[in-house]
Amino acid sequence: MIFLFVGWAIDAVGKTAQEVVREVRRQFEIYPGDFPPPPPPPPPPPPPPPQTAPGILEGTQKPEYNTCVAIVTRAALKEMTRPALLALGTPVVIGLVFKFIGSYRFPSPSLLSRSPPSLPLPPSPTLLVLSLSIALTLRARGEVNLAPEVLACFMMFGSLTGLLVAVLLDNAGGAWDNAKKYIETGMHGGKGSDAHKAAVT
């Protein structure tokens, strides 16, 4: 769950960053003068072409900061829906499933044995994991405390895994930032080079 959550969160950040980049490029093209820009001429005359000397880059034009903030806020509410549902819904599903497994009893007395069924050695690791899961599930019949025990283990190991992944991502972000600063010292072409642009991106 942790790695799926991280993957969805990184994907959301990437999509949002692309939207912000497109908005910034749009402002660079259409804002050549004082803020706010003049309204476009009504049809039938065509609108003027994009200017080649944007005022934002020259310092004579204020960017539309509110637009970029609105994009990030809207994306945060939309793109983080899946990760939030995953983090909130997975413990609930696990608790309900194992509550059912722990409280379920088969009607046949012969099936109430706590010994797992004898299964032949599967030819693949996937079938081995599936067979062990079935055997452990059958052994867990009648365990009234199975759901809280499984849920506690899930939350504990999920927290530990999340801590390790958080340390990994924190170190990776610091390494990327240090790489950008290293290029800015003059290495690999310094500021303005393709390496510097890639590091900033």
N, C-alpha and C. Protein backbone atom coordinates (compact mmCIF):
# COMPACT_ATOMS: atom_id res chain seq x y z
N MET A 1 0.82 -1.20 0.00
CA MET A 1 0.00 0.00 0.00
C MET A 1 0.86 1.25 0.00
N ILE A 2 1.98 1.21 0.75
CA ILE A 2 2.83 2.41 0.85
C ILE A 2 3.39 2.78 -0.51
N PHE A 3 3.88 1.79 -1.24
CA PHE A 3 4.50 2.08 -2.53
C PHE A 3 3.46 2.51 -3.56
N LEU A 4 2.27 1.95 -3.50
CA LEU A 4 1.20 2.40 -4.39
C LEU A 4 0.81 3.84 -4.06
N PHE A 5 0.72 4.14 -2.77
CA PHE A 5 0.40 5.52 -2.34
C PHE A 5 1.46 6.50 -2.85
N VAL A 6 2.73 6.13 -2.70
CA VAL A 6 3.82 7.02 -3.14
C VAL A 6 3.78 7.19 -4.66
N GLY A 7 3.52 6.09 -5.38
CA GLY A 7 3.45 6.19 -6.84
C GLY A 7 2.33 7.11 -7.30
N TRP A 8 1.16 6.98 -6.70
CA TRP A 8 0.04 7.86 -7.07
C TRP A 8 0.34 9.31 -6.70
N ALA A 9 0.98 9.53 -5.55
CA ALA A 9 1.29 10.89 -5.14
C ALA A 9 2.31 11.54 -6.08
N ILE A 10 3.33 10.79 -6.47
CA ILE A 10 4.33 11.32 -7.40
C ILE A 10 3.70 11.60 -8.75
N ASP A 11 2.81 10.71 -9.19
CA ASP A 11 2.11 10.94 -10.46
C ASP A 11 1.26 12.21 -10.39
N ALA A 12 0.62 12.45 -9.25
CA ALA A 12 -0.19 13.67 -9.09
C ALA A 12 0.68 14.91 -9.13
N VAL A 13 1.84 14.85 -8.49
CA VAL A 13 2.75 16.00 -8.50
C VAL A 13 3.23 16.28 -9.92
N GLY A 14 3.56 15.23 -10.67
CA GLY A 14 4.02 15.43 -12.04
C GLY A 14 2.96 16.07 -12.93
N LYS A 15 1.71 15.60 -12.81
CA LYS A 15 0.64 16.19 -13.61
C LYS A 15 0.41 17.66 -13.24
N THR A 16 0.44 17.94 -11.95
CA THR A 16 0.22 19.33 -11.52
C THR A 16 1.35 20.23 -11.98
N ALA A 17 2.58 19.74 -11.92
CA ALA A 17 3.71 20.54 -12.37
C ALA A 17 3.60 20.86 -13.86
N GLN A 18 3.13 19.92 -14.66
CA GLN A 18 2.96 20.18 -16.09
C GLN A 18 1.90 21.24 -16.34
N GLU A 19 0.83 21.22 -15.55
CA GLU A 19 -0.20 22.25 -15.71
C GLU A 19 0.36 23.63 -15.35
N VAL A 20 1.16 23.70 -14.29
CA VAL A 20 1.76 24.99 -13.91
C VAL A 20 2.72 25.47 -15.00
N VAL A 21 3.50 24.57 -15.57
CA VAL A 21 4.44 24.95 -16.64
C VAL A 21 3.67 25.51 -17.84
N ARG A 22 2.57 24.86 -18.22
CA ARG A 22 1.78 25.37 -19.34
C ARG A 22 1.19 26.74 -19.04
N GLU A 23 0.76 26.95 -17.80
CA GLU A 23 0.21 28.26 -17.43
C GLU A 23 1.28 29.34 -17.47
N VAL A 24 2.47 29.02 -16.99
CA VAL A 24 3.56 30.00 -17.01
C VAL A 24 3.93 30.35 -18.44
N ARG A 25 4.01 29.36 -19.31
CA ARG A 25 4.32 29.63 -20.71
C ARG A 25 3.24 30.50 -21.36
N ARG A 26 1.99 30.23 -20.99
CA ARG A 26 0.90 31.05 -21.54
C ARG A 26 1.04 32.51 -21.11
N GLN A 27 1.39 32.72 -19.85
CA GLN A 27 1.55 34.10 -19.39
C GLN A 27 2.75 34.77 -20.05
N PHE A 28 3.80 34.03 -20.31
CA PHE A 28 4.95 34.60 -21.00
C PHE A 28 4.58 35.07 -22.40
N GLU A 29 3.65 34.39 -23.03
CA GLU A 29 3.31 34.70 -24.41
C GLU A 29 2.33 35.85 -24.55
N ILE A 30 1.36 35.97 -23.63
CA ILE A 30 0.26 36.91 -23.87
C ILE A 30 0.37 38.19 -23.06
N TYR A 31 1.35 38.31 -22.16
CA TYR A 31 1.43 39.49 -21.32
C TYR A 31 2.67 40.30 -21.66
N PRO A 32 2.58 41.19 -22.66
CA PRO A 32 3.76 41.98 -22.99
C PRO A 32 3.85 43.30 -22.25
N GLY A 33 2.75 43.78 -21.69
CA GLY A 33 2.77 45.13 -21.13
C GLY A 33 2.36 45.17 -19.68
N ASP A 34 1.70 46.30 -19.29
CA ASP A 34 1.30 46.48 -17.90
C ASP A 34 0.18 45.52 -17.54
N PHE A 35 0.11 45.25 -16.27
CA PHE A 35 -0.92 44.35 -15.74
C PHE A 35 -2.14 45.15 -15.31
N PRO A 36 -3.36 44.73 -15.63
CA PRO A 36 -3.74 43.54 -16.39
C PRO A 36 -3.67 43.78 -17.89
N PRO A 37 -3.63 42.73 -18.69
CA PRO A 37 -3.51 42.92 -20.14
C PRO A 37 -4.80 43.48 -20.72
N PRO A 38 -4.72 44.18 -21.82
CA PRO A 38 -5.94 44.71 -22.46
C PRO A 38 -6.77 43.57 -23.01
N PRO A 39 -8.10 43.73 -23.03
CA PRO A 39 -8.95 42.66 -23.56
C PRO A 39 -8.72 42.49 -25.06
N PRO A 40 -8.89 41.29 -25.58
CA PRO A 40 -8.69 41.07 -27.01
C PRO A 40 -9.74 41.79 -27.83
N PRO A 41 -9.41 42.19 -29.04
CA PRO A 41 -10.39 42.89 -29.89
C PRO A 41 -11.54 41.96 -30.26
N PRO A 42 -12.73 42.51 -30.39
CA PRO A 42 -13.88 41.66 -30.74
C PRO A 42 -13.77 41.17 -32.18
N PRO A 43 -14.41 40.05 -32.51
CA PRO A 43 -14.42 39.62 -33.91
C PRO A 43 -15.24 40.60 -34.73
N PRO A 44 -15.02 40.66 -36.05
CA PRO A 44 -14.25 39.75 -36.88
C PRO A 44 -12.74 39.99 -36.92
N PRO A 45 -12.17 41.14 -36.44
CA PRO A 45 -10.72 41.26 -36.53
C PRO A 45 -10.04 40.17 -35.72
N PRO A 46 -9.00 39.52 -36.26
CA PRO A 46 -8.32 38.45 -35.52
C PRO A 46 -7.53 39.01 -34.36
N PRO A 47 -7.31 38.24 -33.31
CA PRO A 47 -6.52 38.73 -32.17
C PRO A 47 -5.06 38.90 -32.57
N PRO A 48 -4.35 39.78 -31.88
CA PRO A 48 -2.94 39.99 -32.23
C PRO A 48 -2.11 38.75 -31.93
N PRO A 49 -1.04 38.53 -32.69
CA PRO A 49 -0.20 37.35 -32.45
C PRO A 49 0.54 37.49 -31.13
N PRO A 50 1.04 36.38 -30.59
CA PRO A 50 1.82 36.46 -29.34
C PRO A 50 3.05 37.34 -29.48
N GLN A 51 3.34 38.08 -28.45
CA GLN A 51 4.47 38.98 -28.47
C GLN A 51 5.77 38.20 -28.28
N THR A 52 6.85 38.76 -28.80
CA THR A 52 8.16 38.11 -28.69
C THR A 52 8.99 38.68 -27.55
N ALA A 53 8.53 39.77 -26.90
CA ALA A 53 9.26 40.37 -25.78
C ALA A 53 8.32 40.47 -24.59
N PRO A 54 8.08 39.36 -23.88
CA PRO A 54 7.12 39.39 -22.76
C PRO A 54 7.60 40.31 -21.65
N GLY A 55 6.66 41.01 -21.06
CA GLY A 55 7.03 41.92 -19.98
C GLY A 55 7.39 41.22 -18.69
N ILE A 56 6.94 39.97 -18.51
CA ILE A 56 7.27 39.25 -17.28
C ILE A 56 8.77 39.03 -17.18
N LEU A 57 9.38 38.62 -18.29
CA LEU A 57 10.81 38.38 -18.29
C LEU A 57 11.60 39.67 -18.17
N GLU A 58 11.03 40.78 -18.62
CA GLU A 58 11.73 42.07 -18.54
C GLU A 58 11.52 42.76 -17.20
N GLY A 59 10.65 42.23 -16.37
CA GLY A 59 10.38 42.84 -15.08
C GLY A 59 9.37 43.96 -15.11
N THR A 60 8.71 44.21 -16.24
CA THR A 60 7.71 45.27 -16.35
C THR A 60 6.28 44.73 -16.22
N GLN A 61 6.12 43.45 -15.99
CA GLN A 61 4.81 42.83 -15.95
C GLN A 61 4.71 41.93 -14.72
N LYS A 62 3.62 42.05 -13.98
CA LYS A 62 3.39 41.18 -12.83
C LYS A 62 2.71 39.89 -13.30
N PRO A 63 3.25 38.74 -12.93
CA PRO A 63 2.58 37.49 -13.31
C PRO A 63 1.27 37.31 -12.55
N GLU A 64 0.45 36.43 -13.06
CA GLU A 64 -0.80 36.07 -12.38
C GLU A 64 -0.51 34.93 -11.39
N TYR A 65 -0.09 35.33 -10.21
CA TYR A 65 0.23 34.32 -9.20
C TYR A 65 -1.01 33.54 -8.78
N ASN A 66 -2.13 34.22 -8.72
CA ASN A 66 -3.36 33.57 -8.26
C ASN A 66 -3.76 32.40 -9.15
N THR A 67 -3.48 32.52 -10.45
CA THR A 67 -3.84 31.44 -11.36
C THR A 67 -3.05 30.18 -11.06
N CYS A 68 -1.75 30.33 -10.84
CA CYS A 68 -0.92 29.17 -10.51
C CYS A 68 -1.31 28.57 -9.17
N VAL A 69 -1.62 29.42 -8.19
CA VAL A 69 -2.06 28.91 -6.89
C VAL A 69 -3.38 28.16 -7.03
N ALA A 70 -4.28 28.68 -7.88
CA ALA A 70 -5.56 27.99 -8.09
C ALA A 70 -5.35 26.63 -8.76
N ILE A 71 -4.41 26.55 -9.69
CA ILE A 71 -4.12 25.28 -10.35
C ILE A 71 -3.62 24.25 -9.35
N VAL A 72 -2.69 24.67 -8.50
CA VAL A 72 -2.12 23.74 -7.52
C VAL A 72 -3.18 23.31 -6.50
N THR A 73 -4.00 24.25 -6.06
CA THR A 73 -5.04 23.92 -5.09
C THR A 73 -6.07 22.97 -5.67
N ARG A 74 -6.50 23.25 -6.89
CA ARG A 74 -7.49 22.39 -7.55
C ARG A 74 -6.92 21.00 -7.79
N ALA A 75 -5.66 20.94 -8.20
CA ALA A 75 -5.04 19.63 -8.45
C ALA A 75 -4.84 18.85 -7.15
N ALA A 76 -4.53 19.57 -6.06
CA ALA A 76 -4.35 18.88 -4.78
C ALA A 76 -5.65 18.21 -4.34
N LEU A 77 -6.77 18.85 -4.58
CA LEU A 77 -8.05 18.27 -4.20
C LEU A 77 -8.47 17.14 -5.14
N LYS A 78 -8.07 17.22 -6.39
CA LYS A 78 -8.51 16.23 -7.37
C LYS A 78 -7.57 15.04 -7.44
N GLU A 79 -6.26 15.31 -7.58
CA GLU A 79 -5.31 14.23 -7.82
C GLU A 79 -5.03 13.40 -6.58
N MET A 80 -5.21 13.97 -5.39
CA MET A 80 -4.92 13.23 -4.16
C MET A 80 -6.13 12.46 -3.65
N THR A 81 -7.16 12.34 -4.48
CA THR A 81 -8.34 11.57 -4.06
C THR A 81 -8.01 10.09 -3.96
N ARG A 82 -7.35 9.57 -4.98
CA ARG A 82 -7.00 8.13 -4.96
C ARG A 82 -6.08 7.77 -3.80
N PRO A 83 -4.96 8.49 -3.59
CA PRO A 83 -4.12 8.14 -2.44
C PRO A 83 -4.85 8.24 -1.10
N ALA A 84 -5.72 9.25 -0.96
CA ALA A 84 -6.45 9.40 0.30
C ALA A 84 -7.42 8.24 0.51
N LEU A 85 -8.14 7.85 -0.55
CA LEU A 85 -9.06 6.72 -0.43
C LEU A 85 -8.31 5.42 -0.14
N LEU A 86 -7.12 5.28 -0.73
CA LEU A 86 -6.32 4.08 -0.47
C LEU A 86 -5.90 4.02 1.00
N ALA A 87 -5.40 5.14 1.52
CA ALA A 87 -4.92 5.15 2.91
C ALA A 87 -6.07 4.97 3.90
N LEU A 88 -7.24 5.51 3.60
CA LEU A 88 -8.37 5.41 4.52
C LEU A 88 -9.17 4.13 4.35
N GLY A 89 -9.24 3.62 3.12
CA GLY A 89 -10.09 2.47 2.87
C GLY A 89 -9.43 1.12 3.09
N THR A 90 -8.10 1.04 2.88
CA THR A 90 -7.43 -0.25 3.02
C THR A 90 -7.55 -0.83 4.43
N PRO A 91 -7.31 -0.06 5.51
CA PRO A 91 -7.50 -0.65 6.84
C PRO A 91 -8.93 -1.12 7.11
N VAL A 92 -9.90 -0.39 6.58
CA VAL A 92 -11.29 -0.79 6.77
C VAL A 92 -11.57 -2.12 6.07
N VAL A 93 -11.09 -2.24 4.82
CA VAL A 93 -11.32 -3.47 4.07
C VAL A 93 -10.62 -4.65 4.74
N ILE A 94 -9.38 -4.45 5.17
CA ILE A 94 -8.64 -5.53 5.82
C ILE A 94 -9.34 -5.96 7.12
N GLY A 95 -9.80 -4.99 7.90
CA GLY A 95 -10.49 -5.33 9.13
C GLY A 95 -11.76 -6.11 8.89
N LEU A 96 -12.55 -5.72 7.89
CA LEU A 96 -13.80 -6.43 7.61
C LEU A 96 -13.55 -7.83 7.06
N VAL A 97 -12.57 -7.94 6.15
CA VAL A 97 -12.28 -9.25 5.56
C VAL A 97 -11.83 -10.24 6.62
N PHE A 98 -10.89 -9.84 7.46
CA PHE A 98 -10.37 -10.78 8.45
C PHE A 98 -11.32 -10.96 9.63
N LYS A 99 -12.22 -10.03 9.83
CA LYS A 99 -13.28 -10.27 10.81
C LYS A 99 -14.20 -11.38 10.33
N PHE A 100 -14.49 -11.36 9.02
CA PHE A 100 -15.31 -12.43 8.45
C PHE A 100 -14.58 -13.77 8.50
N ILE A 101 -13.28 -13.77 8.16
CA ILE A 101 -12.51 -15.02 8.19
C ILE A 101 -12.42 -15.56 9.61
N GLY A 102 -12.18 -14.68 10.58
CA GLY A 102 -12.03 -15.14 11.95
C GLY A 102 -13.32 -15.63 12.59
N SER A 103 -14.44 -15.11 12.14
CA SER A 103 -15.72 -15.50 12.76
C SER A 103 -16.47 -16.54 11.96
N TYR A 104 -15.98 -16.89 10.78
CA TYR A 104 -16.72 -17.84 9.93
C TYR A 104 -16.47 -19.26 10.40
N ARG A 105 -17.51 -20.06 10.46
CA ARG A 105 -17.41 -21.47 10.81
C ARG A 105 -18.14 -22.30 9.78
N PHE A 106 -17.49 -23.33 9.31
CA PHE A 106 -18.11 -24.21 8.34
C PHE A 106 -19.12 -25.12 9.03
N PRO A 107 -20.19 -25.50 8.34
CA PRO A 107 -21.20 -26.35 8.97
C PRO A 107 -20.73 -27.77 9.23
N SER A 108 -19.80 -28.28 8.44
CA SER A 108 -19.36 -29.66 8.59
C SER A 108 -18.34 -29.77 9.71
N PRO A 109 -18.50 -30.72 10.67
CA PRO A 109 -17.52 -30.85 11.75
C PRO A 109 -16.14 -31.22 11.24
N SER A 110 -16.08 -31.97 10.14
CA SER A 110 -14.78 -32.36 9.62
C SER A 110 -13.98 -31.16 9.12
N LEU A 111 -14.69 -30.10 8.75
CA LEU A 111 -14.00 -28.92 8.24
C LEU A 111 -13.60 -27.96 9.34
N LEU A 112 -14.01 -28.26 10.59
CA LEU A 112 -13.64 -27.38 11.69
C LEU A 112 -12.27 -27.69 12.25
N SER A 113 -11.59 -28.66 11.67
CA SER A 113 -10.24 -28.99 12.12
C SER A 113 -9.31 -27.82 11.85
N ARG A 114 -8.41 -27.56 12.79
CA ARG A 114 -7.50 -26.43 12.66
C ARG A 114 -6.26 -26.79 11.86
N SER A 115 -6.19 -28.01 11.35
CA SER A 115 -5.04 -28.40 10.54
C SER A 115 -5.24 -27.95 9.11
N PRO A 116 -4.25 -27.35 8.49
CA PRO A 116 -4.41 -26.89 7.12
C PRO A 116 -4.49 -28.07 6.17
N PRO A 117 -5.13 -27.91 5.06
CA PRO A 117 -5.22 -29.01 4.09
C PRO A 117 -3.86 -29.32 3.51
N SER A 118 -3.68 -30.61 3.16
CA SER A 118 -2.41 -31.01 2.55
C SER A 118 -2.43 -30.61 1.09
N LEU A 119 -1.52 -29.72 0.74
CA LEU A 119 -1.45 -29.21 -0.62
C LEU A 119 -0.14 -29.65 -1.23
N PRO A 120 -0.14 -30.10 -2.48
CA PRO A 120 1.13 -30.46 -3.12
C PRO A 120 1.99 -29.23 -3.34
N LEU A 121 3.28 -29.46 -3.46
CA LEU A 121 4.21 -28.37 -3.67
C LEU A 121 3.94 -27.72 -5.02
N PRO A 122 3.56 -26.44 -5.05
CA PRO A 122 3.23 -25.81 -6.33
C PRO A 122 4.49 -25.57 -7.15
N PRO A 123 4.34 -25.49 -8.46
CA PRO A 123 5.52 -25.35 -9.33
C PRO A 123 6.04 -23.93 -9.42
N SER A 124 5.37 -22.96 -8.84
CA SER A 124 5.81 -21.58 -8.99
C SER A 124 5.69 -20.85 -7.66
N PRO A 125 6.49 -19.78 -7.44
CA PRO A 125 6.37 -19.02 -6.18
C PRO A 125 4.99 -18.41 -5.98
N THR A 126 4.33 -18.02 -7.07
CA THR A 126 3.01 -17.43 -6.94
C THR A 126 2.01 -18.43 -6.36
N LEU A 127 2.04 -19.66 -6.88
CA LEU A 127 1.14 -20.68 -6.34
C LEU A 127 1.52 -21.07 -4.92
N LEU A 128 2.81 -20.99 -4.60
CA LEU A 128 3.24 -21.30 -3.24
C LEU A 128 2.66 -20.28 -2.25
N VAL A 129 2.75 -19.01 -2.61
CA VAL A 129 2.19 -17.97 -1.75
C VAL A 129 0.68 -18.13 -1.63
N LEU A 130 0.03 -18.47 -2.74
CA LEU A 130 -1.42 -18.66 -2.71
C LEU A 130 -1.79 -19.85 -1.82
N SER A 131 -1.03 -20.93 -1.92
CA SER A 131 -1.32 -22.11 -1.11
C SER A 131 -1.12 -21.82 0.37
N LEU A 132 -0.03 -21.13 0.71
CA LEU A 132 0.19 -20.78 2.11
C LEU A 132 -0.89 -19.85 2.63
N SER A 133 -1.36 -18.93 1.78
CA SER A 133 -2.43 -18.02 2.20
C SER A 133 -3.71 -18.79 2.50
N ILE A 134 -4.03 -19.75 1.63
CA ILE A 134 -5.24 -20.56 1.86
C ILE A 134 -5.10 -21.38 3.15
N ALA A 135 -3.91 -21.97 3.35
CA ALA A 135 -3.71 -22.78 4.55
C ALA A 135 -3.81 -21.94 5.81
N LEU A 136 -3.18 -20.77 5.81
CA LEU A 136 -3.26 -19.91 6.99
C LEU A 136 -4.68 -19.40 7.22
N THR A 137 -5.40 -19.16 6.13
CA THR A 137 -6.79 -18.71 6.28
C THR A 137 -7.65 -19.79 6.91
N LEU A 138 -7.45 -21.03 6.50
CA LEU A 138 -8.23 -22.12 7.08
C LEU A 138 -7.86 -22.36 8.54
N ARG A 139 -6.60 -22.13 8.88
CA ARG A 139 -6.19 -22.29 10.28
C ARG A 139 -6.76 -21.19 11.16
N ALA A 140 -7.10 -20.04 10.55
CA ALA A 140 -7.56 -18.90 11.33
C ALA A 140 -9.06 -18.90 11.58
N ARG A 141 -9.76 -19.97 11.18
CA ARG A 141 -11.20 -20.01 11.41
C ARG A 141 -11.49 -20.02 12.90
N GLY A 142 -12.47 -19.27 13.28
CA GLY A 142 -12.90 -19.25 14.66
C GLY A 142 -12.08 -18.36 15.57
N GLU A 143 -11.11 -17.61 15.03
CA GLU A 143 -10.31 -16.70 15.84
C GLU A 143 -11.04 -15.36 15.92
N VAL A 144 -11.65 -15.07 17.07
CA VAL A 144 -12.44 -13.86 17.19
C VAL A 144 -11.55 -12.62 17.20
N ASN A 145 -10.29 -12.76 17.59
CA ASN A 145 -9.37 -11.62 17.63
C ASN A 145 -8.50 -11.53 16.39
N LEU A 146 -8.87 -12.25 15.34
CA LEU A 146 -8.03 -12.25 14.14
C LEU A 146 -8.00 -10.87 13.49
N ALA A 147 -9.16 -10.21 13.36
CA ALA A 147 -9.22 -8.93 12.67
C ALA A 147 -8.37 -7.86 13.36
N PRO A 148 -8.51 -7.64 14.68
CA PRO A 148 -7.65 -6.62 15.30
C PRO A 148 -6.17 -6.98 15.26
N GLU A 149 -5.83 -8.27 15.33
CA GLU A 149 -4.43 -8.66 15.28
C GLU A 149 -3.84 -8.38 13.90
N VAL A 150 -4.56 -8.78 12.86
CA VAL A 150 -4.08 -8.54 11.49
C VAL A 150 -4.01 -7.04 11.21
N LEU A 151 -5.03 -6.31 11.64
CA LEU A 151 -5.04 -4.87 11.40
C LEU A 151 -3.91 -4.17 12.14
N ALA A 152 -3.62 -4.61 13.37
CA ALA A 152 -2.52 -4.02 14.12
C ALA A 152 -1.19 -4.29 13.43
N CYS A 153 -1.00 -5.52 12.93
CA CYS A 153 0.23 -5.85 12.20
C CYS A 153 0.33 -5.02 10.92
N PHE A 154 -0.79 -4.88 10.23
CA PHE A 154 -0.78 -4.10 8.99
C PHE A 154 -0.41 -2.65 9.26
N MET A 155 -1.00 -2.05 10.27
CA MET A 155 -0.70 -0.65 10.59
C MET A 155 0.73 -0.49 11.07
N MET A 156 1.23 -1.47 11.85
CA MET A 156 2.60 -1.36 12.36
C MET A 156 3.62 -1.45 11.22
N PHE A 157 3.48 -2.48 10.39
CA PHE A 157 4.43 -2.62 9.30
C PHE A 157 4.23 -1.55 8.23
N GLY A 158 2.99 -1.08 8.06
CA GLY A 158 2.77 0.04 7.15
C GLY A 158 3.46 1.31 7.61
N SER A 159 3.41 1.55 8.93
CA SER A 159 4.09 2.73 9.47
C SER A 159 5.60 2.62 9.33
N LEU A 160 6.14 1.43 9.60
CA LEU A 160 7.59 1.24 9.46
C LEU A 160 8.03 1.39 8.00
N THR A 161 7.25 0.81 7.10
CA THR A 161 7.58 0.94 5.67
C THR A 161 7.46 2.39 5.22
N GLY A 162 6.42 3.08 5.68
CA GLY A 162 6.28 4.49 5.33
C GLY A 162 7.43 5.33 5.84
N LEU A 163 7.94 4.99 7.03
CA LEU A 163 9.08 5.73 7.57
C LEU A 163 10.31 5.53 6.70
N LEU A 164 10.57 4.29 6.28
CA LEU A 164 11.73 4.02 5.43
C LEU A 164 11.61 4.70 4.07
N VAL A 165 10.41 4.65 3.49
CA VAL A 165 10.20 5.30 2.19
C VAL A 165 10.34 6.82 2.33
N ALA A 166 9.85 7.38 3.44
CA ALA A 166 9.97 8.82 3.65
C ALA A 166 11.44 9.23 3.75
N VAL A 167 12.25 8.44 4.45
CA VAL A 167 13.68 8.75 4.53
C VAL A 167 14.33 8.65 3.15
N LEU A 168 13.94 7.65 2.38
CA LEU A 168 14.47 7.49 1.03
C LEU A 168 14.13 8.70 0.15
N LEU A 169 12.87 9.11 0.16
CA LEU A 169 12.45 10.23 -0.67
C LEU A 169 13.09 11.54 -0.20
N ASP A 170 13.25 11.70 1.10
CA ASP A 170 13.89 12.91 1.62
C ASP A 170 15.35 12.99 1.17
N ASN A 171 16.06 11.88 1.24
CA ASN A 171 17.45 11.87 0.78
C ASN A 171 17.54 12.07 -0.72
N ALA A 172 16.59 11.49 -1.46
CA ALA A 172 16.60 11.67 -2.92
C ALA A 172 16.36 13.12 -3.29
N GLY A 173 15.40 13.77 -2.61
CA GLY A 173 15.16 15.19 -2.90
C GLY A 173 16.36 16.05 -2.56
N GLY A 174 17.02 15.77 -1.44
CA GLY A 174 18.23 16.51 -1.10
C GLY A 174 19.34 16.29 -2.10
N ALA A 175 19.45 15.06 -2.62
CA ALA A 175 20.48 14.78 -3.62
C ALA A 175 20.21 15.54 -4.91
N TRP A 176 18.93 15.62 -5.32
CA TRP A 176 18.61 16.38 -6.52
C TRP A 176 18.93 17.87 -6.33
N ASP A 177 18.60 18.40 -5.18
CA ASP A 177 18.89 19.82 -4.92
C ASP A 177 20.40 20.07 -4.88
N ASN A 178 21.14 19.16 -4.28
CA ASN A 178 22.59 19.31 -4.25
C ASN A 178 23.19 19.20 -5.65
N ALA A 179 22.60 18.35 -6.49
CA ALA A 179 23.08 18.25 -7.86
C ALA A 179 22.89 19.56 -8.61
N LYS A 180 21.75 20.22 -8.40
CA LYS A 180 21.51 21.51 -9.05
C LYS A 180 22.53 22.56 -8.56
N LYS A 181 22.77 22.59 -7.26
CA LYS A 181 23.74 23.54 -6.73
C LYS A 181 25.15 23.23 -7.22
N TYR A 182 25.45 21.94 -7.39
CA TYR A 182 26.76 21.56 -7.90
C TYR A 182 26.96 22.07 -9.32
N ILE A 183 25.92 21.98 -10.14
CA ILE A 183 26.01 22.48 -11.52
C ILE A 183 26.14 24.00 -11.52
N GLU A 184 25.47 24.68 -10.59
CA GLU A 184 25.54 26.14 -10.51
C GLU A 184 26.92 26.65 -10.11
N THR A 185 27.77 25.78 -9.57
CA THR A 185 29.14 26.20 -9.25
C THR A 185 30.03 26.26 -10.47
N GLY A 186 29.52 25.83 -11.63
CA GLY A 186 30.30 25.88 -12.86
C GLY A 186 30.54 24.53 -13.50
N MET A 187 30.14 23.48 -12.84
CA MET A 187 30.33 22.14 -13.40
C MET A 187 29.28 21.84 -14.44
N HIS A 188 29.67 21.04 -15.44
CA HIS A 188 28.76 20.59 -16.51
C HIS A 188 28.13 21.77 -17.25
N GLY A 189 28.85 22.85 -17.40
CA GLY A 189 28.35 23.99 -18.15
C GLY A 189 27.83 25.12 -17.30
N GLY A 190 27.57 24.90 -16.02
CA GLY A 190 27.11 25.96 -15.13
C GLY A 190 25.70 26.40 -15.42
N LYS A 191 25.36 27.61 -14.91
CA LYS A 191 24.01 28.14 -15.09
C LYS A 191 23.73 28.41 -16.57
N GLY A 192 22.48 28.12 -16.96
CA GLY A 192 22.07 28.34 -18.33
C GLY A 192 22.34 27.18 -19.25
N SER A 193 23.08 26.19 -18.81
CA SER A 193 23.39 25.04 -19.66
C SER A 193 22.21 24.08 -19.66
N ASP A 194 22.27 23.11 -20.58
CA ASP A 194 21.20 22.11 -20.63
C ASP A 194 21.17 21.28 -19.35
N ALA A 195 22.34 21.01 -18.78
CA ALA A 195 22.39 20.25 -17.53
C ALA A 195 21.71 21.02 -16.40
N HIS A 196 21.92 22.35 -16.37
CA HIS A 196 21.29 23.16 -15.33
C HIS A 196 19.78 23.22 -15.52
N LYS A 197 19.33 23.33 -16.77
CA LYS A 197 17.89 23.35 -17.04
C LYS A 197 17.26 22.03 -16.62
N ALA A 198 17.94 20.93 -16.92
CA ALA A 198 17.42 19.62 -16.54
C ALA A 198 17.37 19.47 -15.02
N ALA A 199 18.40 19.98 -14.34
CA ALA A 199 18.41 19.88 -12.87
C ALA A 199 17.31 20.71 -12.24
N VAL A 200 17.05 21.89 -12.79
CA VAL A 200 15.98 22.74 -12.27
C VAL A 200 14.63 22.08 -12.50
N THR A 201 14.45 21.51 -13.69
CA THR A 201 13.18 20.83 -14.00
C THR A 201 12.98 19.63 -13.10
